[in-house]
N, C-alpha and C. Protein backbone atom coordinates (compact mmCIF):
# COMPACT_ATOMS: atom_id res chain seq x y z
N MET A 1 3.59 -3.09 -5.91
CA MET A 1 3.29 -4.21 -6.76
C MET A 1 2.90 -5.25 -5.17
N SER A 2 3.63 -4.73 -4.02
CA SER A 2 3.64 -5.75 -3.02
C SER A 2 2.68 -5.93 -2.18
N THR A 3 2.41 -4.60 -1.97
CA THR A 3 1.11 -4.28 -1.51
C THR A 3 -0.51 -5.17 -2.08
N LEU A 4 -0.10 -5.07 -3.04
CA LEU A 4 -1.44 -5.58 -4.01
C LEU A 4 -1.12 -6.94 -3.87
N SER A 5 0.01 -7.36 -4.42
CA SER A 5 0.51 -8.90 -4.10
C SER A 5 -0.11 -9.45 -2.41
N GLU A 6 0.30 -8.61 -1.36
CA GLU A 6 0.20 -9.23 -0.04
C GLU A 6 -1.58 -9.13 0.47
N ALA A 7 -2.05 -7.97 -0.58
CA ALA A 7 -3.59 -8.32 0.11
C ALA A 7 -4.39 -9.09 -1.35
N GLY A 8 -3.99 -9.92 -2.10
CA GLY A 8 -4.27 -10.94 -2.98
C GLY A 8 -5.31 -10.41 -4.09
N LEU A 9 -4.70 -9.15 -4.34
CA LEU A 9 -5.40 -8.06 -5.44
C LEU A 9 -4.72 -8.44 -6.64
N LEU A 10 -3.10 -9.06 -6.59
CA LEU A 10 -2.26 -9.35 -8.19
C LEU A 10 -2.17 -10.89 -8.61
N ALA A 11 -3.03 -10.47 -9.94
CA ALA A 11 -3.39 -12.18 -10.39
C ALA A 11 -1.78 -12.26 -11.11
N ASP A 12 -1.50 -13.64 -10.99
CA ASP A 12 -0.19 -14.26 -11.84
C ASP A 12 -0.87 -15.14 -12.59
N ASP A 13 -1.38 -15.17 -13.88
CA ASP A 13 -1.78 -16.05 -14.99
C ASP A 13 -0.67 -16.54 -16.11
N GLU A 14 -0.30 -17.37 -15.56
CA GLU A 14 0.55 -17.98 -16.78
C GLU A 14 2.12 -16.54 -17.06
N GLY A 15 2.47 -16.22 -16.08
CA GLY A 15 3.66 -15.57 -15.82
C GLY A 15 3.09 -13.87 -16.61
N LYS A 16 1.32 -13.69 -16.78
CA LYS A 16 1.21 -12.27 -16.87
C LYS A 16 0.65 -11.85 -15.25
N LYS A 17 0.88 -10.46 -15.09
CA LYS A 17 0.42 -10.05 -14.23
C LYS A 17 -0.97 -9.12 -14.10
N GLY A 18 -1.98 -9.01 -13.43
CA GLY A 18 -3.25 -8.61 -13.65
C GLY A 18 -3.38 -8.45 -12.22
N VAL A 19 -4.40 -7.32 -12.23
CA VAL A 19 -5.42 -7.08 -11.00
C VAL A 19 -6.17 -8.11 -11.04
N ARG A 20 -6.73 -8.54 -9.98
CA ARG A 20 -7.69 -9.71 -9.52
C ARG A 20 -9.00 -8.65 -9.27
N LYS A 21 -10.02 -8.87 -9.53
CA LYS A 21 -11.12 -8.13 -9.06
C LYS A 21 -12.04 -9.02 -8.14
N THR A 22 -12.42 -8.28 -7.00
CA THR A 22 -13.14 -8.60 -5.92
C THR A 22 -14.40 -7.85 -6.06
N GLU A 23 -15.00 -8.05 -4.90
CA GLU A 23 -16.47 -7.95 -4.71
C GLU A 23 -16.23 -7.04 -3.49
N GLY A 24 -16.27 -5.43 -2.99
CA GLY A 24 -16.38 -5.13 -2.41
C GLY A 24 -15.05 -4.45 -2.02
N LYS A 25 -14.73 -4.27 -0.47
CA LYS A 25 -13.15 -3.31 -0.41
C LYS A 25 -12.60 -4.40 0.16
N ILE A 26 -11.38 -3.71 0.13
CA ILE A 26 -10.05 -4.83 0.66
C ILE A 26 -9.59 -4.17 1.95
N ASP A 27 -8.91 -4.59 3.06
CA ASP A 27 -8.23 -3.88 3.68
C ASP A 27 -7.01 -4.05 3.46
N LEU A 28 -6.33 -2.76 3.53
CA LEU A 28 -4.70 -2.91 2.83
C LEU A 28 -4.00 -3.22 4.25
N ALA A 29 -4.52 -3.27 5.22
CA ALA A 29 -3.83 -3.13 6.42
C ALA A 29 -3.51 -4.69 6.52
N THR A 30 -4.00 -5.32 5.71
CA THR A 30 -3.28 -7.06 5.93
C THR A 30 -1.88 -6.87 5.31
N SER A 31 -1.73 -6.01 4.57
CA SER A 31 -0.65 -5.98 3.70
C SER A 31 0.63 -5.52 4.79
N ALA A 32 2.00 -6.32 5.21
CA ALA A 32 3.00 -5.83 6.04
C ALA A 32 3.83 -4.46 5.40
N THR A 33 3.40 -4.63 3.76
CA THR A 33 4.37 -3.55 3.05
C THR A 33 3.51 -1.99 3.33
N TYR A 34 2.03 -2.42 3.51
CA TYR A 34 1.58 -1.25 3.64
C TYR A 34 1.37 -0.68 4.92
N ARG A 35 1.47 -1.23 5.74
CA ARG A 35 1.55 -1.02 7.69
C ARG A 35 2.98 -0.32 7.57
N ARG A 36 4.12 -0.86 6.88
CA ARG A 36 5.46 -0.13 6.93
C ARG A 36 5.48 0.77 6.40
N TRP A 37 4.93 1.50 5.32
CA TRP A 37 4.32 2.77 4.78
C TRP A 37 3.78 3.58 5.79
N TYR A 38 2.57 3.10 6.10
CA TYR A 38 2.09 3.70 6.94
C TYR A 38 2.62 4.39 8.30
N GLU A 39 3.55 3.42 8.79
CA GLU A 39 4.21 3.87 10.01
C GLU A 39 5.28 4.64 10.07
N ARG A 40 5.88 4.64 8.96
CA ARG A 40 6.87 5.37 8.09
C ARG A 40 6.54 7.41 7.67
N PHE A 41 5.49 7.13 7.12
CA PHE A 41 5.11 8.37 6.74
C PHE A 41 3.59 8.79 6.92
N GLN A 42 2.77 8.30 7.47
CA GLN A 42 1.61 8.63 7.78
C GLN A 42 1.55 8.79 9.17
N THR A 43 2.44 9.70 9.65
CA THR A 43 3.01 9.95 11.18
C THR A 43 2.48 11.69 11.23
N THR A 44 2.35 12.27 12.07
CA THR A 44 2.40 13.91 12.62
C THR A 44 3.44 14.37 12.84
N THR A 45 4.37 13.61 13.23
CA THR A 45 5.83 14.16 12.95
C THR A 45 6.59 14.41 11.50
N PHE A 46 6.17 13.47 10.86
CA PHE A 46 6.42 13.61 9.34
C PHE A 46 5.61 14.40 8.56
N LEU A 47 4.69 14.69 8.87
CA LEU A 47 3.58 15.77 7.84
C LEU A 47 4.01 16.52 8.84
N ARG A 48 4.15 16.87 9.76
CA ARG A 48 4.42 18.02 10.00
C ARG A 48 6.09 18.66 9.48
N HIS A 49 6.69 18.01 9.43
CA HIS A 49 8.03 18.12 8.90
C HIS A 49 7.95 18.76 7.48
N CYS A 50 7.10 18.03 6.98
CA CYS A 50 6.92 18.21 5.41
C CYS A 50 6.37 19.49 5.08
N LEU A 51 5.19 19.85 5.73
CA LEU A 51 4.33 20.90 5.93
C LEU A 51 4.93 22.14 6.00
N SER A 52 6.00 22.18 6.80
CA SER A 52 6.84 23.30 7.19
C SER A 52 8.36 23.51 6.60
N MET A 53 8.06 22.84 5.98
CA MET A 53 9.88 22.52 5.09
C MET A 53 9.99 23.73 3.87
N ARG A 54 11.06 24.09 3.76
CA ARG A 54 11.37 25.60 2.90
C ARG A 54 12.01 24.67 1.70
N LEU A 55 11.39 24.79 0.41
CA LEU A 55 11.88 24.26 -0.74
C LEU A 55 13.07 25.48 -1.44
């Protein structure tokens, strides 16, 4: 929810949360939460470890 809120996609209408409709695409990189997630989990080191890990 933080990412949606930071990108301006979460509407708070009289205490009710909802998705704000927009025209076109929204760049999620404007959200600090999304950027932190991307830096942590979308790296080749992380992905290589996940794909080679035995379950």
